[in-house]
PDB file of N, CA and C in Angstrom:
ATOM      1  N   MET A   1     -36.657 -58.760  31.796  1.00  0.00           N
ATOM      2  CA  MET A   1     -36.507 -58.016  30.515  1.00  0.00           C
ATOM      3  C   MET A   1     -35.181 -57.191  30.600  1.00  0.00           C
ATOM      4  N   LYS A   2     -34.407 -57.529  31.547  1.00  0.00           N
ATOM      5  CA  LYS A   2     -32.922 -57.137  31.551  1.00  0.00           C
ATOM      6  C   LYS A   2     -32.261 -57.257  30.386  1.00  0.00           C
ATOM      7  N   PRO A   3     -32.055 -58.502  29.689  1.00  0.00           N
ATOM      8  CA  PRO A   3     -31.135 -58.600  28.701  1.00  0.00           C
ATOM      9  C   PRO A   3     -31.724 -57.926  27.227  1.00  0.00           C
ATOM     10  N   PHE A   4     -32.912 -57.635  27.344  1.00  0.00           N
ATOM     11  CA  PHE A   4     -33.440 -56.579  26.220  1.00  0.00           C
ATOM     12  C   PHE A   4     -33.054 -55.367  26.540  1.00  0.00           C
ATOM     13  N   GLU A   5     -33.192 -54.804  27.692  1.00  0.00           N
ATOM     14  CA  GLU A   5     -32.751 -53.369  28.045  1.00  0.00           C
ATOM     15  C   GLU A   5     -31.368 -53.166  27.805  1.00  0.00           C
ATOM     16  N   ILE A   6     -30.594 -54.031  28.164  1.00  0.00           N
ATOM     17  CA  ILE A   6     -29.046 -53.903  28.059  1.00  0.00           C
ATOM     18  C   ILE A   6     -28.876 -53.629  26.412  1.00  0.00           C
ATOM     19  N   VAL A   7     -29.341 -54.566  25.456  1.00  0.00           N
ATOM     20  CA  VAL A   7     -29.244 -54.501  23.978  1.00  0.00           C
ATOM     21  C   VAL A   7     -29.655 -53.106  23.596  1.00  0.00           C
ATOM     22  N   VAL A   8     -30.954 -52.729  23.863  1.00  0.00           N
ATOM     23  CA  VAL A   8     -31.432 -51.414  23.439  1.00  0.00           C
ATOM     24  C   VAL A   8     -30.436 -50.153  23.954  1.00  0.00           C
ATOM     25  N   LYS A   9     -30.186 -50.256  25.272  1.00  0.00           N
ATOM     26  CA  LYS A   9     -29.612 -49.095  25.790  1.00  0.00           C
ATOM     27  C   LYS A   9     -28.221 -48.871  25.449  1.00  0.00           C
ATOM     28  N   HIS A  10     -27.434 -50.159  24.884  1.00  0.00           N
ATOM     29  CA  HIS A  10     -26.129 -50.078  24.363  1.00  0.00           C
ATOM     30  C   HIS A  10     -25.968 -50.087  22.895  1.00  0.00           C
ATOM     31  N   PHE A  11     -27.092 -50.200  22.214  1.00  0.00           N
ATOM     32  CA  PHE A  11     -26.779 -50.138  20.597  1.00  0.00           C
ATOM     33  C   PHE A  11     -26.468 -48.767  20.047  1.00  0.00           C
ATOM     34  N   ASP A  12     -25.476 -48.858  19.327  1.00  0.00           N
ATOM     35  CA  ASP A  12     -24.841 -47.547  18.556  1.00  0.00           C
ATOM     36  C   ASP A  12     -25.844 -47.226  17.499  1.00  0.00           C
ATOM     37  N   PHE A  13     -26.841 -46.087  17.649  1.00  0.00           N
ATOM     38  CA  PHE A  13     -27.896 -45.822  16.693  1.00  0.00           C
ATOM     39  C   PHE A  13     -27.369 -45.175  15.487  1.00  0.00           C
ATOM     40  N   ASP A  14     -26.062 -44.589  15.668  1.00  0.00           N
ATOM     41  CA  ASP A  14     -25.500 -43.970  14.741  1.00  0.00           C
ATOM     42  C   ASP A  14     -24.891 -44.867  13.531  1.00  0.00           C
ATOM     43  N   ASN A  15     -24.863 -46.199  13.611  1.00  0.00           N
ATOM     44  CA  ASN A  15     -24.267 -47.105  12.783  1.00  0.00           C
ATOM     45  C   ASN A  15     -25.462 -47.926  11.965  1.00  0.00           C
ATOM     46  N   GLY A  16     -26.803 -47.328  12.238  1.00  0.00           N
ATOM     47  CA  GLY A  16     -27.918 -48.070  11.665  1.00  0.00           C
ATOM     48  C   GLY A  16     -29.038 -48.064  12.556  1.00  0.00           C
ATOM     49  N   PRO A  17     -30.113 -48.564  11.902  1.00  0.00           N
ATOM     50  CA  PRO A  17     -31.383 -48.699  12.648  1.00  0.00           C
ATOM     51  C   PRO A  17     -31.426 -49.943  13.217  1.00  0.00           C
ATOM     52  N   LEU A  18     -32.037 -50.007  14.267  1.00  0.00           N
ATOM     53  CA  LEU A  18     -32.389 -51.116  14.943  1.00  0.00           C
ATOM     54  C   LEU A  18     -33.762 -51.509  15.234  1.00  0.00           C
ATOM     55  N   PRO A  19     -34.255 -52.547  14.244  1.00  0.00           N
ATOM     56  CA  PRO A  19     -35.651 -53.007  14.478  1.00  0.00           C
ATOM     57  C   PRO A  19     -35.566 -54.109  15.466  1.00  0.00           C
ATOM     58  N   VAL A  20     -36.601 -54.187  16.187  1.00  0.00           N
ATOM     59  CA  VAL A  20     -37.207 -55.308  17.093  1.00  0.00           C
ATOM     60  C   VAL A  20     -38.453 -55.805  16.739  1.00  0.00           C
ATOM     61  N   MET A  21     -38.545 -57.210  17.162  1.00  0.00           N
ATOM     62  CA  MET A  21     -39.775 -58.088  16.797  1.00  0.00           C
ATOM     63  C   MET A  21     -40.622 -58.005  18.065  1.00  0.00           C
ATOM     64  N   SER A  22     -41.781 -57.639  17.925  1.00  0.00           N
ATOM     65  CA  SER A  22     -42.764 -57.719  19.270  1.00  0.00           C
ATOM     66  C   SER A  22     -43.059 -59.361  19.283  1.00  0.00           C
ATOM     67  N   SER A  23     -43.349 -59.664  20.522  1.00  0.00           N
ATOM     68  CA  SER A  23     -43.709 -61.025  20.792  1.00  0.00           C
ATOM     69  C   SER A  23     -45.413 -61.168  20.568  1.00  0.00           C
ATOM     70  N   PHE A  24     -45.726 -62.370  20.786  1.00  0.00           N
ATOM     71  CA  PHE A  24     -47.264 -62.584  20.679  1.00  0.00           C
ATOM     72  C   PHE A  24     -47.723 -63.302  21.927  1.00  0.00           C
ATOM     73  N   THR A  25     -47.008 -63.016  23.004  1.00  0.00           N
ATOM     74  CA  THR A  25     -47.218 -63.381  24.618  1.00  0.00           C
ATOM     75  C   THR A  25     -48.329 -62.467  25.127  1.00  0.00           C
ATOM     76  N   LEU A  26     -48.747 -63.082  26.275  1.00  0.00           N
ATOM     77  CA  LEU A  26     -49.494 -62.168  26.908  1.00  0.00           C
ATOM     78  C   LEU A  26     -48.973 -61.665  28.259  1.00  0.00           C
ATOM     79  N   ILE A  27     -49.284 -60.553  28.719  1.00  0.00           N
ATOM     80  CA  ILE A  27     -48.883 -60.008  30.024  1.00  0.00           C
ATOM     81  C   ILE A  27     -50.243 -59.618  30.605  1.00  0.00           C
ATOM     82  N   GLY A  28     -50.561 -60.608  31.668  1.00  0.00           N
ATOM     83  CA  GLY A  28     -52.046 -60.361  32.077  1.00  0.00           C
ATOM     84  C   GLY A  28     -52.982 -60.844  30.642  1.00  0.00           C
ATOM     85  N   PRO A  29     -54.070 -59.781  30.616  1.00  0.00           N
ATOM     86  CA  PRO A  29     -55.026 -59.767  29.539  1.00  0.00           C
ATOM     87  C   PRO A  29     -54.496 -59.198  28.308  1.00  0.00           C
ATOM     88  N   ARG A  30     -53.343 -58.661  28.258  1.00  0.00           N
ATOM     89  CA  ARG A  30     -52.973 -57.744  26.935  1.00  0.00           C
ATOM     90  C   ARG A  30     -52.111 -58.541  26.292  1.00  0.00           C
ATOM     91  N   TYR A  31     -52.017 -58.526  24.968  1.00  0.00           N
ATOM     92  CA  TYR A  31     -50.871 -58.949  24.193  1.00  0.00           C
ATOM     93  C   TYR A  31     -49.578 -58.086  23.958  1.00  0.00           C
ATOM     94  N   THR A  32     -48.391 -58.382  24.340  1.00  0.00           N
ATOM     95  CA  THR A  32     -47.378 -57.622  24.344  1.00  0.00           C
ATOM     96  C   THR A  32     -47.198 -56.681  23.016  1.00  0.00           C
ATOM     97  N   ARG A  33     -47.696 -57.352  21.798  1.00  0.00           N
ATOM     98  CA  ARG A  33     -47.561 -56.729  20.548  1.00  0.00           C
ATOM     99  C   ARG A  33     -48.449 -55.551  20.343  1.00  0.00           C
ATOM    100  N   ALA A  34     -49.528 -55.327  21.294  1.00  0.00           N
ATOM    101  CA  ALA A  34     -50.490 -54.076  21.138  1.00  0.00           C
ATOM    102  C   ALA A  34     -50.420 -53.562  22.410  1.00  0.00           C
ATOM    103  N   ASN A  35     -49.334 -53.608  23.289  1.00  0.00           N
ATOM    104  CA  ASN A  35     -49.324 -53.004  24.633  1.00  0.00           C
ATOM    105  C   ASN A  35     -48.686 -51.472  24.407  1.00  0.00           C
ATOM    106  N   SER A  36     -49.255 -50.763  24.510  1.00  0.00           N
ATOM    107  CA  SER A  36     -48.681 -49.270  24.495  1.00  0.00           C
ATOM    108  C   SER A  36     -47.706 -48.839  25.517  1.00  0.00           C
ATOM    109  N   ASP A  37     -47.969 -49.367  26.641  1.00  0.00           N
ATOM    110  CA  ASP A  37     -47.348 -49.125  27.710  1.00  0.00           C
ATOM    111  C   ASP A  37     -45.957 -49.778  27.790  1.00  0.00           C
ATOM    112  N   LEU A  38     -45.953 -50.867  27.182  1.00  0.00           N
ATOM    113  CA  LEU A  38     -44.679 -51.847  26.974  1.00  0.00           C
ATOM    114  C   LEU A  38     -43.923 -51.204  25.798  1.00  0.00           C
ATOM    115  N   LEU A  39     -44.544 -50.927  24.678  1.00  0.00           N
ATOM    116  CA  LEU A  39     -43.880 -50.682  23.421  1.00  0.00           C
ATOM    117  C   LEU A  39     -43.297 -49.027  23.634  1.00  0.00           C
ATOM    118  N   ASN A  40     -44.255 -48.261  23.936  1.00  0.00           N
ATOM    119  CA  ASN A  40     -43.873 -46.722  23.824  1.00  0.00           C
ATOM    120  C   ASN A  40     -43.478 -46.285  25.318  1.00  0.00           C
ATOM    121  N   GLY A  41     -44.075 -46.747  26.276  1.00  0.00           N
ATOM    122  CA  GLY A  41     -43.641 -46.284  27.616  1.00  0.00           C
ATOM    123  C   GLY A  41     -42.186 -46.941  28.063  1.00  0.00           C
ATOM    124  N   VAL A  42     -42.103 -48.288  27.998  1.00  0.00           N
ATOM    125  CA  VAL A  42     -40.911 -48.851  28.373  1.00  0.00           C
ATOM    126  C   VAL A  42     -39.646 -48.824  27.332  1.00  0.00           C
ATOM    127  N   LEU A  43     -40.087 -49.275  26.082  1.00  0.00           N
ATOM    128  CA  LEU A  43     -39.181 -49.325  24.947  1.00  0.00           C
ATOM    129  C   LEU A  43     -38.666 -48.010  24.532  1.00  0.00           C
ATOM    130  N   ARG A  44     -39.419 -47.266  24.222  1.00  0.00           N
ATOM    131  CA  ARG A  44     -39.052 -45.765  23.719  1.00  0.00           C
ATOM    132  C   ARG A  44     -38.935 -44.839  25.010  1.00  0.00           C
ATOM    133  N   GLY A  45     -39.816 -44.951  25.894  1.00  0.00           N
ATOM    134  CA  GLY A  45     -39.553 -43.759  26.814  1.00  0.00           C
ATOM    135  C   GLY A  45     -38.588 -44.125  27.839  1.00  0.00           C
ATOM    136  N   GLU A  46     -38.624 -45.332  28.503  1.00  0.00           N
ATOM    137  CA  GLU A  46     -37.587 -45.541  29.437  1.00  0.00           C
ATOM    138  C   GLU A  46     -36.166 -46.007  28.771  1.00  0.00           C
ATOM    139  N   TRP A  47     -36.283 -46.618  27.730  1.00  0.00           N
ATOM    140  CA  TRP A  47     -35.006 -47.131  27.284  1.00  0.00           C
ATOM    141  C   TRP A  47     -34.368 -46.352  26.098  1.00  0.00           C
ATOM    142  N   GLY A  48     -35.213 -45.272  25.754  1.00  0.00           N
ATOM    143  CA  GLY A  48     -34.852 -44.543  24.670  1.00  0.00           C
ATOM    144  C   GLY A  48     -34.581 -45.249  23.363  1.00  0.00           C
ATOM    145  N   PHE A  49     -35.416 -46.153  22.995  1.00  0.00           N
ATOM    146  CA  PHE A  49     -35.298 -46.747  21.590  1.00  0.00           C
ATOM    147  C   PHE A  49     -35.761 -45.875  20.635  1.00  0.00           C
ATOM    148  N   GLN A  50     -35.059 -46.003  19.530  1.00  0.00           N
ATOM    149  CA  GLN A  50     -35.270 -45.018  18.335  1.00  0.00           C
ATOM    150  C   GLN A  50     -35.669 -45.917  17.178  1.00  0.00           C
ATOM    151  N   GLY A  51     -35.723 -47.176  16.971  1.00  0.00           N
ATOM    152  CA  GLY A  51     -35.844 -47.948  15.873  1.00  0.00           C
ATOM    153  C   GLY A  51     -37.174 -48.112  15.738  1.00  0.00           C
ATOM    154  N   MET A  52     -37.675 -49.224  14.898  1.00  0.00           N
ATOM    155  CA  MET A  52     -39.006 -49.684  14.670  1.00  0.00           C
ATOM    156  C   MET A  52     -39.183 -50.735  15.062  1.00  0.00           C
ATOM    157  N   VAL A  53     -40.622 -50.963  15.437  1.00  0.00           N
ATOM    158  CA  VAL A  53     -41.071 -52.259  16.042  1.00  0.00           C
ATOM    159  C   VAL A  53     -41.787 -53.073  14.753  1.00  0.00           C
ATOM    160  N   LEU A  54     -41.400 -54.313  14.717  1.00  0.00           N
ATOM    161  CA  LEU A  54     -42.128 -55.178  13.520  1.00  0.00           C
ATOM    162  C   LEU A  54     -42.635 -56.595  14.047  1.00  0.00           C
ATOM    163  N   THR A  55     -43.482 -57.200  13.242  1.00  0.00           N
ATOM    164  CA  THR A  55     -43.748 -58.410  13.552  1.00  0.00           C
ATOM    165  C   THR A  55     -43.834 -59.321  12.424  1.00  0.00           C
ATOM    166  N   ASP A  56     -43.992 -60.600  12.344  1.00  0.00           N
ATOM    167  CA  ASP A  56     -43.887 -61.599  11.240  1.00  0.00           C
ATOM    168  C   ASP A  56     -45.213 -62.272  11.234  1.00  0.00           C
ATOM    169  N   TRP A  57     -46.293 -61.729  11.818  1.00  0.00           N
ATOM    170  CA  TRP A  57     -47.512 -62.485  11.894  1.00  0.00           C
ATOM    171  C   TRP A  57     -48.026 -62.831  10.506  1.00  0.00           C
ATOM    172  N   TYR A  58     -47.916 -61.864   9.523  1.00  0.00           N
ATOM    173  CA  TYR A  58     -48.495 -62.354   8.302  1.00  0.00           C
ATOM    174  C   TYR A  58     -47.661 -63.351   7.570  1.00  0.00           C
ATOM    175  N   GLY A  59     -46.468 -63.349   7.855  1.00  0.00           N
ATOM    176  CA  GLY A  59     -45.464 -64.511   7.185  1.00  0.00           C
ATOM    177  C   GLY A  59     -45.720 -65.700   7.557  1.00  0.00           C
ATOM    178  N   SER A  60     -46.466 -65.936   8.601  1.00  0.00           N
ATOM    179  CA  SER A  60     -46.755 -67.274   9.145  1.00  0.00           C
ATOM    180  C   SER A  60     -47.945 -67.932   8.515  1.00  0.00           C
ATOM    181  N   TYR A  61     -48.810 -67.025   7.912  1.00  0.00           N
ATOM    182  CA  TYR A  61     -50.085 -67.615   7.347  1.00  0.00           C
ATOM    183  C   TYR A  61     -49.835 -67.608   5.778  1.00  0.00           C
ATOM    184  N   GLY A  62     -48.971 -67.631   5.234  1.00  0.00           N
ATOM    185  CA  GLY A  62     -48.889 -67.625   3.849  1.00  0.00           C
ATOM    186  C   GLY A  62     -49.030 -66.323   2.949  1.00  0.00           C
ATOM    187  N   TYR A  63     -49.126 -65.152   3.478  1.00  0.00           N
ATOM    188  CA  TYR A  63     -49.464 -63.970   2.648  1.00  0.00           C
ATOM    189  C   TYR A  63     -48.342 -63.478   1.919  1.00  0.00           C
TER     190      TYR A  63
END
């Protein structure tokens, strides 16, 4: 996760929002896109992320 941490921690939030896309992988039995410990605990809490997290799930099914 180090490359992602570097990008988040060194992004200049004053020059615009930073959206990130969640993945559809599993960490143990939990999907990363629905993992509050990962998205809120690590991404927002530890790394100080201030942007939004999005997904393209609907885009891949013709909606």
